C-alpha atoms as a PDB file:
ATOM      1  CA  MET A   1      32.387   7.072 -20.974  1.00  0.00           C
ATOM      2  CA  PHE A   2      28.700   7.455 -20.097  1.00  0.00           C
ATOM      3  CA  ASN A   3      27.567  10.276 -17.867  1.00  0.00           C
ATOM      4  CA  SER A   4      25.897   8.355 -15.023  1.00  0.00           C
ATOM      5  CA  LEU A   5      26.864  10.425 -12.007  1.00  0.00           C
ATOM      6  CA  PHE A   6      24.239  12.049  -9.778  1.00  0.00           C
ATOM      7  CA  ILE A   7      21.132  10.316 -11.095  1.00  0.00           C
ATOM      8  CA  THR A   8      18.139  12.409  -9.990  1.00  0.00           C
ATOM      9  CA  LYS A   9      14.952  11.092  -8.384  1.00  0.00           C
ATOM     10  CA  LYS A  10      13.016  11.991 -11.529  1.00  0.00           C
ATOM     11  CA  GLU A  11      15.421   9.977 -13.671  1.00  0.00           C
ATOM     12  CA  ALA A  12      15.259   7.029 -11.283  1.00  0.00           C
ATOM     13  CA  ASP A  13      11.435   7.113 -11.369  1.00  0.00           C
ATOM     14  CA  LEU A  14      11.591   7.115 -15.159  1.00  0.00           C
ATOM     15  CA  ALA A  15      13.960   4.148 -15.149  1.00  0.00           C
ATOM     16  CA  LEU A  16      11.562   2.167 -12.925  1.00  0.00           C
ATOM     17  CA  GLU A  17       8.705   2.979 -15.283  1.00  0.00           C
ATOM     18  CA  GLN A  18      10.794   1.765 -18.218  1.00  0.00           C
ATOM     19  CA  TYR A  19      11.987  -1.517 -16.727  1.00  0.00           C
ATOM     20  CA  ASP A  20       9.610  -2.719 -14.011  1.00  0.00           C
ATOM     21  CA  GLU A  21       7.433  -4.889 -16.262  1.00  0.00           C
ATOM     22  CA  ASP A  22      10.523  -6.439 -17.861  1.00  0.00           C
ATOM     23  CA  TYR A  23      11.442  -7.970 -14.489  1.00  0.00           C
ATOM     24  CA  ILE A  24       8.555  -7.980 -11.970  1.00  0.00           C
ATOM     25  CA  TYR A  25       6.710 -10.843 -13.697  1.00  0.00           C
ATOM     26  CA  LYS A  26       9.785 -13.086 -13.510  1.00  0.00           C
ATOM     27  CA  GLU A  27       9.728 -15.856 -10.919  1.00  0.00           C
ATOM     28  CA  GLY A  28      11.519 -14.810  -7.745  1.00  0.00           C
ATOM     29  CA  ILE A  29      11.565 -11.043  -8.350  1.00  0.00           C
ATOM     30  CA  GLU A  30       9.353  -9.670  -5.560  1.00  0.00           C
ATOM     31  CA  TYR A  31       9.863  -5.910  -5.837  1.00  0.00           C
ATOM     32  CA  ILE A  32      11.770  -3.208  -7.703  1.00  0.00           C
ATOM     33  CA  ALA A  33      12.314   0.019  -5.783  1.00  0.00           C
ATOM     34  CA  VAL A  34      13.794   3.456  -6.325  1.00  0.00           C
ATOM     35  CA  VAL A  35      16.089   3.906  -3.318  1.00  0.00           C
ATOM     36  CA  ARG A  36      18.812   6.300  -2.251  1.00  0.00           C
ATOM     37  CA  ASN A  37      22.406   5.254  -2.870  1.00  0.00           C
ATOM     38  CA  TYR A  38      24.131   6.438   0.313  1.00  0.00           C
ATOM     39  CA  PHE A  39      27.459   4.715  -0.263  1.00  0.00           C
ATOM     40  CA  SER A  40      28.214   5.870  -3.793  1.00  0.00           C
ATOM     41  CA  MET A  41      28.356   8.959  -5.972  1.00  0.00           C
ATOM     42  CA  TYR A  42      25.093   7.821  -7.571  1.00  0.00           C
ATOM     43  CA  GLN A  43      22.219   9.570  -5.795  1.00  0.00           C
ATOM     44  CA  TYR A  44      19.528   6.995  -6.632  1.00  0.00           C
ATOM     45  CA  LYS A  45      19.507   3.403  -7.826  1.00  0.00           C
ATOM     46  CA  LEU A  46      17.083   0.587  -8.668  1.00  0.00           C
ATOM     47  CA  GLU A  47      16.968  -2.188  -6.078  1.00  0.00           C
ATOM     48  CA  PHE A  48      15.653  -5.624  -7.079  1.00  0.00           C
ATOM     49  CA  GLY A  49      14.250  -7.686  -4.209  1.00  0.00           C
ATOM     50  CA  TYR A  50      14.463 -11.432  -4.822  1.00  0.00           C
ATOM     51  CA  SER A  51      13.270 -14.548  -3.003  1.00  0.00           C
ATOM     52  CA  ASP A  52      14.595 -18.113  -2.836  1.00  0.00           C
ATOM     53  CA  SER A  53      12.843 -19.101  -6.066  1.00  0.00           C
ATOM     54  CA  VAL A  54      14.932 -16.777  -8.231  1.00  0.00           C
ATOM     55  CA  ASN A  55      17.470 -18.228 -10.648  1.00  0.00           C
ATOM     56  CA  PHE A  56      20.582 -16.143 -11.293  1.00  0.00           C
ATOM     57  CA  GLU A  57      22.557 -19.032 -12.804  1.00  0.00           C
ATOM     58  CA  LYS A  58      23.698 -17.853 -16.221  1.00  0.00           C
ATOM     59  CA  GLY A  59      23.067 -20.018 -19.233  1.00  0.00           C
ATOM     60  CA  THR A  60      19.945 -21.747 -17.902  1.00  0.00           C
ATOM     61  CA  PRO A  61      16.526 -21.259 -19.578  1.00  0.00           C
ATOM     62  CA  THR A  62      14.929 -19.584 -16.539  1.00  0.00           C
ATOM     63  CA  SER A  63      17.881 -17.494 -15.429  1.00  0.00           C
ATOM     64  CA  ILE A  64      17.472 -13.778 -14.718  1.00  0.00           C
ATOM     65  CA  ASP A  65      20.167 -11.337 -15.779  1.00  0.00           C
ATOM     66  CA  ILE A  66      20.104  -7.924 -14.092  1.00  0.00           C
ATOM     67  CA  PRO A  67      22.827  -5.672 -15.559  1.00  0.00           C
ATOM     68  CA  GLU A  68      24.892  -3.540 -13.183  1.00  0.00           C
ATOM     69  CA  PHE A  69      23.661  -0.467 -15.102  1.00  0.00           C
ATOM     70  CA  LEU A  70      20.460   0.165 -17.059  1.00  0.00           C
ATOM     71  CA  ALA A  71      20.178   2.870 -19.701  1.00  0.00           C
ATOM     72  CA  ILE A  72      17.665   5.636 -18.963  1.00  0.00           C
ATOM     73  CA  ASN A  73      15.527   6.661 -21.912  1.00  0.00           C
ATOM     74  CA  SER A  74      14.821  10.266 -20.948  1.00  0.00           C
ATOM     75  CA  ASP A  75      13.078  11.407 -24.123  1.00  0.00           C
ATOM     76  CA  LYS A  76      10.729   8.602 -25.072  1.00  0.00           C
ATOM     77  CA  SER A  77       7.757   7.025 -23.341  1.00  0.00           C
ATOM     78  CA  LYS A  78       7.752   3.471 -22.028  1.00  0.00           C
ATOM     79  CA  GLU A  79       5.712   2.302 -25.009  1.00  0.00           C
ATOM     80  CA  GLU A  80       8.475   3.420 -27.372  1.00  0.00           C
ATOM     81  CA  LYS A  81      11.418   2.102 -25.382  1.00  0.00           C
ATOM     82  CA  GLY A  82      11.980  -0.939 -27.579  1.00  0.00           C
ATOM     83  CA  ALA A  83      12.685   1.230 -30.599  1.00  0.00           C
ATOM     84  CA  THR A  84      14.944   3.721 -28.847  1.00  0.00           C
ATOM     85  CA  ARG A  85      16.772   1.982 -26.025  1.00  0.00           C
ATOM     86  CA  SER A  86      19.804   1.413 -28.231  1.00  0.00           C
ATOM     87  CA  GLY A  87      19.465   4.718 -30.096  1.00  0.00           C
ATOM     88  CA  SER A  88      20.661   8.253 -29.583  1.00  0.00           C
ATOM     89  CA  GLN A  89      17.722   9.287 -27.386  1.00  0.00           C
ATOM     90  CA  ILE A  90      19.221   7.559 -24.337  1.00  0.00           C
ATOM     91  CA  GLN A  91      21.687  10.436 -23.989  1.00  0.00           C
ATOM     92  CA  ASN A  92      24.249   8.218 -22.212  1.00  0.00           C
ATOM     93  CA  ARG A  93      22.423   8.225 -18.860  1.00  0.00           C
ATOM     94  CA  LYS A  94      22.533   4.997 -16.873  1.00  0.00           C
ATOM     95  CA  ILE A  95      21.299   4.005 -13.443  1.00  0.00           C
ATOM     96  CA  ARG A  96      23.033   1.572 -11.094  1.00  0.00           C
ATOM     97  CA  THR A  97      21.172  -1.563 -10.003  1.00  0.00           C
ATOM     98  CA  THR A  98      21.543  -3.704  -6.883  1.00  0.00           C
ATOM     99  CA  ILE A  99      19.875  -6.866  -5.599  1.00  0.00           C
ATOM    100  CA  LYS A 100      18.591  -7.606  -2.090  1.00  0.00           C
ATOM    101  CA  LYS A 101      17.384 -10.865  -0.560  1.00  0.00           C
ATOM    102  CA  THR A 102      13.762 -10.787   0.586  1.00  0.00           C
ATOM    103  CA  SER A 103      10.826 -13.216   0.685  1.00  0.00           C
ATOM    104  CA  LYS A 104       7.292 -13.550  -0.651  1.00  0.00           C
ATOM    105  CA  ILE A 105       5.079 -10.552   0.148  1.00  0.00           C
ATOM    106  CA  ALA A 106       1.492 -10.856   1.390  1.00  0.00           C
ATOM    107  CA  CYS A 107      -1.245  -9.015   3.249  1.00  0.00           C
ATOM    108  CA  VAL A 108      -1.122  -9.065   7.043  1.00  0.00           C
ATOM    109  CA  PRO A 109      -4.421 -10.520   8.409  1.00  0.00           C
ATOM    110  CA  ASP A 110      -5.366 -10.717  12.049  1.00  0.00           C
ATOM    111  CA  ASN A 111      -6.290 -13.301  14.653  1.00  0.00           C
ATOM    112  CA  ASN A 112      -6.665 -10.781  17.493  1.00  0.00           C
ATOM    113  CA  ASN A 113      -8.662  -7.637  18.140  1.00  0.00           C
ATOM    114  CA  ASN A 114      -8.698  -4.206  19.750  1.00  0.00           C
ATOM    115  CA  TYR A 115     -10.786  -1.031  19.781  1.00  0.00           C
ATOM    116  CA  GLU A 116      -9.797   2.497  18.769  1.00  0.00           C
ATOM    117  CA  ASN A 117     -10.963   5.103  16.237  1.00  0.00           C
ATOM    118  CA  PHE A 118      -7.817   4.555  14.251  1.00  0.00           C
ATOM    119  CA  GLY A 119      -5.569   1.567  14.729  1.00  0.00           C
ATOM    120  CA  GLY A 120      -8.416  -0.561  16.119  1.00  0.00           C
ATOM    121  CA  SER A 121      -9.684  -3.941  14.931  1.00  0.00           C
ATOM    122  CA  ILE A 122     -12.482  -4.474  12.410  1.00  0.00           C
ATOM    123  CA  SER A 123     -13.710  -7.629  10.683  1.00  0.00           C
ATOM    124  CA  HIS A 124     -16.133  -8.788   7.994  1.00  0.00           C
ATOM    125  CA  GLU A 125     -19.207 -10.739   9.075  1.00  0.00           C
ATOM    126  CA  GLU A 126     -18.269 -13.885   7.140  1.00  0.00           C
ATOM    127  CA  MET A 127     -14.476 -13.850   7.208  1.00  0.00           C
ATOM    128  CA  PRO A 128     -12.365 -15.514   9.940  1.00  0.00           C
ATOM    129  CA  LEU A 129      -9.611 -12.893   9.735  1.00  0.00           C
ATOM    130  CA  GLY A 130      -9.784  -9.153  10.206  1.00  0.00           C
ATOM    131  CA  GLY A 131      -7.630  -6.074  10.017  1.00  0.00           C
ATOM    132  CA  THR A 132      -7.257  -2.501  11.178  1.00  0.00           C
ATOM    133  CA  LEU A 133      -9.581   0.479  10.991  1.00  0.00           C
ATOM    134  CA  GLY A 134      -7.276   3.002   9.354  1.00  0.00           C
ATOM    135  CA  ALA A 135      -9.330   6.056  10.243  1.00  0.00           C
ATOM    136  CA  ILE A 136     -12.803   7.560  10.304  1.00  0.00           C
ATOM    137  CA  ILE A 137     -13.222  10.071   7.487  1.00  0.00           C
ATOM    138  CA  LYS A 138     -15.616  12.454   5.792  1.00  0.00           C
ATOM    139  CA  LEU A 139     -15.886  12.683   2.012  1.00  0.00           C
ATOM    140  CA  LYS A 140     -16.898  15.642  -0.102  1.00  0.00           C
ATOM    141  CA  ASN A 141     -20.274  15.207  -1.812  1.00  0.00           C
ATOM    142  CA  GLN A 142     -21.129  12.177   0.350  1.00  0.00           C
ATOM    143  CA  LYS A 143     -23.199  12.123   3.535  1.00  0.00           C
ATOM    144  CA  GLY A 144     -22.122  10.373   6.719  1.00  0.00           C
ATOM    145  CA  LEU A 145     -18.942   9.023   8.264  1.00  0.00           C
ATOM    146  CA  PHE A 146     -16.791   6.306   6.694  1.00  0.00           C
ATOM    147  CA  GLY A 147     -14.218   3.851   7.949  1.00  0.00           C
ATOM    148  CA  ILE A 148     -11.258   3.206   5.670  1.00  0.00           C
ATOM    149  CA  SER A 149      -9.226   0.021   5.427  1.00  0.00           C
ATOM    150  CA  ASN A 150      -7.901  -2.360   2.762  1.00  0.00           C
ATOM    151  CA  TRP A 151      -9.963  -4.057   0.070  1.00  0.00           C
ATOM    152  CA  HIS A 152      -8.761  -7.432   1.348  1.00  0.00           C
ATOM    153  CA  VAL A 153      -9.968  -6.579   4.877  1.00  0.00           C
ATOM    154  CA  LEU A 154     -13.442  -5.284   4.004  1.00  0.00           C
ATOM    155  CA  LEU A 155     -14.301  -7.323   0.914  1.00  0.00           C
ATOM    156  CA  ASN A 156     -11.649  -9.795  -0.162  1.00  0.00           C
ATOM    157  CA  LYS A 157     -12.630 -11.944  -3.122  1.00  0.00           C
ATOM    158  CA  ASN A 158     -15.930 -13.250  -1.674  1.00  0.00           C
ATOM    159  CA  GLY A 159     -17.334 -10.068  -0.122  1.00  0.00           C
ATOM    160  CA  GLU A 160     -20.040  -7.811  -1.554  1.00  0.00           C
ATOM    161  CA  LEU A 161     -21.137  -4.221  -1.110  1.00  0.00           C
ATOM    162  CA  LEU A 162     -23.484  -3.759   1.880  1.00  0.00           C
ATOM    163  CA  ASP A 163     -21.833  -6.625   3.791  1.00  0.00           C
ATOM    164  CA  LYS A 164     -21.613  -5.947   7.531  1.00  0.00           C
ATOM    165  CA  ILE A 165     -18.465  -4.864   9.364  1.00  0.00           C
ATOM    166  CA  PHE A 166     -17.972  -5.472  13.104  1.00  0.00           C
ATOM    167  CA  ARG A 167     -15.751  -4.214  15.925  1.00  0.00           C
ATOM    168  CA  PRO A 168     -14.656  -7.228  18.007  1.00  0.00           C
ATOM    169  CA  ARG A 169     -13.505  -7.115  21.625  1.00  0.00           C
ATOM    170  CA  LEU A 170     -15.894  -4.359  22.561  1.00  0.00           C
ATOM    171  CA  HIS A 171     -17.591  -4.064  25.975  1.00  0.00           C
ATOM    172  CA  GLY A 172     -15.856  -7.188  27.239  1.00  0.00           C
ATOM    173  CA  VAL A 173     -16.508  -9.327  24.143  1.00  0.00           C
ATOM    174  CA  LYS A 174     -13.277 -11.338  23.968  1.00  0.00           C
ATOM    175  CA  THR A 175     -14.207 -13.575  21.028  1.00  0.00           C
ATOM    176  CA  ARG A 176     -15.280 -13.011  17.447  1.00  0.00           C
ATOM    177  CA  GLN A 177     -18.957 -13.433  18.212  1.00  0.00           C
ATOM    178  CA  ARG A 178     -20.982 -11.345  15.758  1.00  0.00           C
ATOM    179  CA  LYS A 179     -23.151  -9.746  18.429  1.00  0.00           C
ATOM    180  CA  GLU A 180     -25.394  -6.864  17.456  1.00  0.00           C
ATOM    181  CA  GLU A 181     -23.611  -4.492  19.838  1.00  0.00           C
ATOM    182  CA  THR A 182     -20.427  -4.883  17.790  1.00  0.00           C
ATOM    183  CA  PHE A 183     -22.059  -4.143  14.402  1.00  0.00           C
ATOM    184  CA  PHE A 184     -20.356  -1.003  13.073  1.00  0.00           C
ATOM    185  CA  GLY A 185     -21.460  -0.408   9.484  1.00  0.00           C
ATOM    186  CA  LYS A 186     -21.783  -1.690   5.922  1.00  0.00           C
ATOM    187  CA  VAL A 187     -19.310  -1.802   3.039  1.00  0.00           C
ATOM    188  CA  VAL A 188     -20.090   0.860   0.417  1.00  0.00           C
ATOM    189  CA  PHE A 189     -16.952   0.916  -1.739  1.00  0.00           C
ATOM    190  CA  GLY A 190     -14.023  -1.245  -2.722  1.00  0.00           C
ATOM    191  CA  ILE A 191     -11.381  -1.097  -5.432  1.00  0.00           C
ATOM    192  CA  ILE A 192      -8.228  -2.958  -6.359  1.00  0.00           C
ATOM    193  CA  ASN A 193      -6.085  -1.678  -9.221  1.00  0.00           C
ATOM    194  CA  LYS A 194      -2.410  -1.200 -10.069  1.00  0.00           C
ATOM    195  CA  ASN A 195      -1.955   1.519  -7.399  1.00  0.00           C
ATOM    196  CA  ILE A 196      -4.375   0.849  -4.545  1.00  0.00           C
ATOM    197  CA  GLU A 197      -6.428  -1.805  -2.768  1.00  0.00           C
ATOM    198  CA  VAL A 198      -8.807   0.096  -0.522  1.00  0.00           C
ATOM    199  CA  GLY A 199     -12.318  -0.191   0.890  1.00  0.00           C
ATOM    200  CA  LEU A 200     -14.777   2.030   2.736  1.00  0.00           C
ATOM    201  CA  PHE A 201     -17.719   1.221   4.995  1.00  0.00           C
ATOM    202  CA  ARG A 202     -20.422   3.650   6.087  1.00  0.00           C
ATOM    203  CA  ILE A 203     -20.668   3.872   9.873  1.00  0.00           C
ATOM    204  CA  GLU A 204     -24.218   3.098  11.016  1.00  0.00           C
ATOM    205  CA  ASN A 205     -23.614   2.505  14.716  1.00  0.00           C
ATOM    206  CA  LYS A 206     -22.069   5.738  15.975  1.00  0.00           C
ATOM    207  CA  LYS A 207     -22.140   4.458  19.553  1.00  0.00           C
ATOM    208  CA  LEU A 208     -18.969   2.555  18.699  1.00  0.00           C
ATOM    209  CA  ILE A 209     -17.048   5.728  17.873  1.00  0.00           C
ATOM    210  CA  THR A 210     -14.615   6.496  20.667  1.00  0.00           C
ATOM    211  CA  LYS A 211     -15.326   9.827  22.351  1.00  0.00           C
ATOM    212  CA  ASP A 212     -12.048   9.906  24.265  1.00  0.00           C
ATOM    213  CA  PRO A 213     -10.164  13.069  23.128  1.00  0.00           C
ATOM    214  CA  GLU A 214      -6.890  11.168  23.544  1.00  0.00           C
ATOM    215  CA  VAL A 215      -8.025   8.878  20.725  1.00  0.00           C
ATOM    216  CA  ARG A 216      -9.989  11.272  18.521  1.00  0.00           C
ATOM    217  CA  ASN A 217      -8.620  14.219  16.558  1.00  0.00           C
ATOM    218  CA  LYS A 218      -5.207  12.613  16.117  1.00  0.00           C
ATOM    219  CA  LEU A 219      -5.088  12.989  12.331  1.00  0.00           C
ATOM    220  CA  MET A 220      -5.087  16.316  10.504  1.00  0.00           C
ATOM    221  CA  GLY A 221      -4.975  15.912   6.727  1.00  0.00           C
ATOM    222  CA  ILE A 222      -3.280  14.098   3.848  1.00  0.00           C
ATOM    223  CA  GLU A 223       0.141  14.631   2.281  1.00  0.00           C
ATOM    224  CA  LYS A 224       2.353  13.052  -0.384  1.00  0.00           C
ATOM    225  CA  PRO A 225       4.945  10.614   1.037  1.00  0.00           C
ATOM    226  CA  LYS A 226       8.580  11.739   0.865  1.00  0.00           C
ATOM    227  CA  MET A 227      11.638   9.489   0.908  1.00  0.00           C
ATOM    228  CA  GLY A 228      13.715   9.628   4.067  1.00  0.00           C
ATOM    229  CA  LYS A 229      10.945  11.166   6.186  1.00  0.00           C
ATOM    230  CA  LYS A 230       9.972   9.722   9.566  1.00  0.00           C
ATOM    231  CA  ILE A 231       6.457   8.295   9.773  1.00  0.00           C
ATOM    232  CA  TYR A 232       4.312   6.609  12.408  1.00  0.00           C
ATOM    233  CA  LYS A 233       1.791   3.766  12.340  1.00  0.00           C
ATOM    234  CA  ARG A 234      -0.850   2.675  14.789  1.00  0.00           C
ATOM    235  CA  GLY A 235      -2.041  -0.866  14.135  1.00  0.00           C
ATOM    236  CA  PHE A 236      -4.404  -2.708  16.406  1.00  0.00           C
ATOM    237  CA  ASN A 237      -1.869  -5.470  17.060  1.00  0.00           C
ATOM    238  CA  SER A 238       1.533  -3.771  17.058  1.00  0.00           C
ATOM    239  CA  GLU A 239       0.263  -0.462  18.494  1.00  0.00           C
ATOM    240  CA  LYS A 240       2.155   2.731  17.621  1.00  0.00           C
ATOM    241  CA  LYS A 241       5.473   2.341  15.847  1.00  0.00           C
ATOM    242  CA  GLU A 242       7.744   4.671  13.952  1.00  0.00           C
ATOM    243  CA  GLY A 243       9.890   4.221  10.882  1.00  0.00           C
ATOM    244  CA  VAL A 244      11.361   5.957   7.847  1.00  0.00           C
ATOM    245  CA  ILE A 245      10.096   5.897   4.264  1.00  0.00           C
ATOM    246  CA  ARG A 246      12.763   3.962   2.393  1.00  0.00           C
ATOM    247  CA  SER A 247      11.113   4.448  -1.006  1.00  0.00           C
ATOM    248  CA  ASN A 248       7.980   6.158  -2.278  1.00  0.00           C
ATOM    249  CA  ASN A 249       8.116   4.436  -5.664  1.00  0.00           C
ATOM    250  CA  VAL A 250       8.110   0.633  -5.557  1.00  0.00           C
ATOM    251  CA  THR A 251       6.672  -1.925  -7.960  1.00  0.00           C
ATOM    252  CA  VAL A 252       5.804  -4.914  -5.784  1.00  0.00           C
ATOM    253  CA  LYS A 253       4.307  -8.375  -6.248  1.00  0.00           C
ATOM    254  CA  ALA A 254       1.913  -9.111  -3.382  1.00  0.00           C
ATOM    255  CA  PHE A 255      -0.359 -12.030  -2.468  1.00  0.00           C
ATOM    256  CA  ILE A 256      -3.631 -10.350  -1.438  1.00  0.00           C
ATOM    257  CA  ALA A 257      -6.074 -13.268  -1.427  1.00  0.00           C
ATOM    258  CA  LYS A 258      -6.340 -16.755  -2.874  1.00  0.00           C
ATOM    259  CA  GLY A 259      -6.057 -16.299  -6.609  1.00  0.00           C
ATOM    260  CA  TYR A 260      -4.981 -12.672  -6.232  1.00  0.00           C
ATOM    261  CA  ASN A 261      -1.225 -12.347  -6.696  1.00  0.00           C
ATOM    262  CA  GLU A 262      -1.204  -8.724  -7.788  1.00  0.00           C
ATOM    263  CA  ILE A 263       1.378  -6.274  -9.113  1.00  0.00           C
ATOM    264  CA  PHE A 264       1.158  -2.848  -7.437  1.00  0.00           C
ATOM    265  CA  LYS A 265       3.011   0.255  -8.641  1.00  0.00           C
ATOM    266  CA  LYS A 266       3.959   3.550  -6.961  1.00  0.00           C
ATOM    267  CA  GLN A 267       3.978   1.969  -3.491  1.00  0.00           C
ATOM    268  CA  ILE A 268       5.659   2.993  -0.228  1.00  0.00           C
ATOM    269  CA  GLN A 269       8.371   0.746   1.234  1.00  0.00           C
ATOM    270  CA  LEU A 270       9.689   0.986   4.796  1.00  0.00           C
ATOM    271  CA  LYS A 271      11.530  -1.240   7.210  1.00  0.00           C
ATOM    272  CA  LYS A 272       9.013  -3.737   8.533  1.00  0.00           C
ATOM    273  CA  MET A 273       6.792  -2.181  11.193  1.00  0.00           C
ATOM    274  CA  SER A 274       3.697  -4.349  10.838  1.00  0.00           C
ATOM    275  CA  GLU A 275       2.422  -7.550  12.393  1.00  0.00           C
ATOM    276  CA  ASP A 276      -0.565  -9.807  11.725  1.00  0.00           C
ATOM    277  CA  GLY A 277      -3.723  -7.701  11.650  1.00  0.00           C
ATOM    278  CA  ASP A 278      -2.095  -4.360  10.850  1.00  0.00           C
ATOM    279  CA  SER A 279      -3.479  -4.307   7.288  1.00  0.00           C
ATOM    280  CA  GLY A 280      -5.412  -1.057   6.858  1.00  0.00           C
ATOM    281  CA  SER A 281      -3.285   0.993   9.270  1.00  0.00           C
ATOM    282  CA  VAL A 282      -2.585   4.553   8.197  1.00  0.00           C
ATOM    283  CA  LEU A 283       0.949   5.942   8.051  1.00  0.00           C
ATOM    284  CA  PHE A 284       1.209   9.527   9.282  1.00  0.00           C
ATOM    285  CA  ASN A 285       4.017  12.055   9.747  1.00  0.00           C
ATOM    286  CA  LYS A 286       5.009  14.397  12.576  1.00  0.00           C
ATOM    287  CA  ASN A 287       2.383  16.911  11.424  1.00  0.00           C
ATOM    288  CA  ARG A 288      -0.270  14.196  11.824  1.00  0.00           C
ATOM    289  CA  ASN A 289      -0.875  14.162   8.077  1.00  0.00           C
ATOM    290  CA  VAL A 290      -1.570  10.736   6.577  1.00  0.00           C
ATOM    291  CA  VAL A 291       0.761   9.640   3.760  1.00  0.00           C
ATOM    292  CA  GLY A 292      -0.181   5.988   3.204  1.00  0.00           C
ATOM    293  CA  LEU A 293      -2.339   2.950   3.963  1.00  0.00           C
ATOM    294  CA  LEU A 294      -0.425  -0.188   4.947  1.00  0.00           C
ATOM    295  CA  PHE A 295      -1.439  -3.401   3.160  1.00  0.00           C
ATOM    296  CA  ALA A 296       1.390  -5.955   2.968  1.00  0.00           C
ATOM    297  CA  ALA A 297       4.721  -7.185   4.315  1.00  0.00           C
ATOM    298  CA  ASP A 298       7.213  -9.945   3.674  1.00  0.00           C
ATOM    299  CA  ASP A 299       7.617 -12.829   6.095  1.00  0.00           C
ATOM    300  CA  LYS A 300      11.326 -12.518   6.837  1.00  0.00           C
ATOM    301  CA  GLU A 301      12.484 -11.841  10.374  1.00  0.00           C
ATOM    302  CA  GLN A 302      15.596  -9.865   9.393  1.00  0.00           C
ATOM    303  CA  ASN A 303      15.952  -7.071   6.799  1.00  0.00           C
ATOM    304  CA  SER A 304      12.247  -7.228   6.037  1.00  0.00           C
ATOM    305  CA  PHE A 305       9.857  -4.565   4.736  1.00  0.00           C
ATOM    306  CA  SER A 306       6.290  -3.326   4.991  1.00  0.00           C
ATOM    307  CA  TYR A 307       4.383  -1.843   2.044  1.00  0.00           C
ATOM    308  CA  ALA A 308       1.653   0.785   1.804  1.00  0.00           C
ATOM    309  CA  ASN A 309      -0.557   2.431  -0.811  1.00  0.00           C
ATOM    310  CA  ARG A 310       0.211   6.125  -1.273  1.00  0.00           C
ATOM    311  CA  ILE A 311      -2.598   8.290   0.122  1.00  0.00           C
ATOM    312  CA  ASP A 312      -2.366  10.662  -2.869  1.00  0.00           C
ATOM    313  CA  TYR A 313      -3.412   7.754  -5.100  1.00  0.00           C
ATOM    314  CA  ILE A 314      -6.352   6.858  -2.829  1.00  0.00           C
ATOM    315  CA  PHE A 315      -7.862  10.327  -2.481  1.00  0.00           C
ATOM    316  CA  ASN A 316      -8.412  13.080  -5.054  1.00  0.00           C
ATOM    317  CA  ASN A 317      -6.958  10.927  -7.827  1.00  0.00           C
ATOM    318  CA  GLU A 318      -9.014   9.592 -10.722  1.00  0.00           C
ATOM    319  CA  PHE A 319      -9.510   5.868 -11.288  1.00  0.00           C
ATOM    320  CA  CYS A 320     -11.840   3.764 -13.442  1.00  0.00           C
ATOM    321  CA  GLN A 321     -15.569   4.153 -12.750  1.00  0.00           C
ATOM    322  CA  THR A 322     -16.414   2.124  -9.636  1.00  0.00           C
ATOM    323  CA  THR A 323     -19.664   1.427  -7.771  1.00  0.00           C
ATOM    324  CA  PHE A 324     -20.369   3.415  -4.609  1.00  0.00           C
ATOM    325  CA  ILE A 325     -23.383   2.952  -2.302  1.00  0.00           C
ATOM    326  CA  ASP A 326     -24.869   6.327  -1.309  1.00  0.00           C
ATOM    327  CA  HIS A 327     -26.624   7.230   1.971  1.00  0.00           C
ATOM    328  CA  GLU A 328     -29.951   5.939   0.623  1.00  0.00           C
ATOM    329  CA  ASN A 329     -28.397   2.596  -0.347  1.00  0.00           C
ATOM    330  CA  ASN A 330     -28.536   3.423  -4.049  1.00  0.00           C
ATOM    331  CA  LYS A 331     -25.744   2.322  -6.360  1.00  0.00           C
ATOM    332  CA  THR A 332     -23.910   5.198  -7.968  1.00  0.00           C
ATOM    333  CA  SER A 333     -20.745   5.364 -10.074  1.00  0.00           C
ATOM    334  CA  ILE A 334     -17.692   7.407  -9.089  1.00  0.00           C
ATOM    335  CA  ASN A 335     -14.159   7.805 -10.443  1.00  0.00           C
ATOM    336  CA  LYS A 336     -12.609   9.622  -7.484  1.00  0.00           C
ATOM    337  CA  LEU A 337     -12.715   9.674  -3.675  1.00  0.00           C
ATOM    338  CA  GLU A 338     -12.730  13.322  -2.668  1.00  0.00           C
ATOM    339  CA  PHE A 339     -11.252  13.679   0.811  1.00  0.00           C
ATOM    340  CA  ASP A 340     -12.818  16.202   3.179  1.00  0.00           C
ATOM    341  CA  SER A 341     -11.444  15.560   6.685  1.00  0.00           C
ATOM    342  CA  PHE A 342     -10.714  13.051   9.434  1.00  0.00           C
ATOM    343  CA  TYR A 343     -13.240  12.650  12.217  1.00  0.00           C
END
């Protein structure tokens, strides 16, 4: 009899690391999440989200078999799992699995617009769709103010550094006319990797920064996301909403742009609280600390989810060397965004 009771969060995270790549690349598997198991003696489990294209029919060439329990290799790294999964190192620990119907997951672009310091609309000069200004921030060792949003909002696959970013629907402008009074700044950074898809633009037109104290000074700092904690979001389209972090460790398959069907790891999952145009919204807790940056959602009406990059993987966390445009428009190379404060 294996000892599988009371699987800890650490063990569940390890199990996801061991098995996610075995399943996430299979057709129809859209996400794999570490979630709480409220209706069983098992504290945590792995949940497999599947869409209509999945094939669970046994005996067919493309069928997917997800065992009710998966062995947890607690002593060996993922690279060694093939040699030890059936050996003594497993220590008889197993995690329960479940499946949940979902749909294809994609970014949430916008056809509307709004205007706030965080939760307001922004758009690229050449792209028909826009997204949300997550927040205005300051960085350590970098001059100026920066707007943060998603890579797919600020750059997408055709954008370049120093492209212009605008703030539509300002001063009575009801259309997406690229008038000079709505020019806000230029893109200085963008990255897409296994954990984040984020972009920054340097604010050059400070007249567009809201001076209303009811809008400014809403955000305090950054904090790691915790499962089960209440969070809030302010998107330009769906305004302020609240939800609960269902998982802070999800491997998810997301359609970001044409030709970009990416696998993201260590993501946040919560019951859907986003609408078209909310990409780039920050998630923040009751202490006004930001925990994530929303980037995708599925298209189901019922039992659907939103997804966000963890803020602790965006800031103060090393990544591969990436180009950054400094205040003199020179290209530099950085491997970390060092957060200073929100404006």
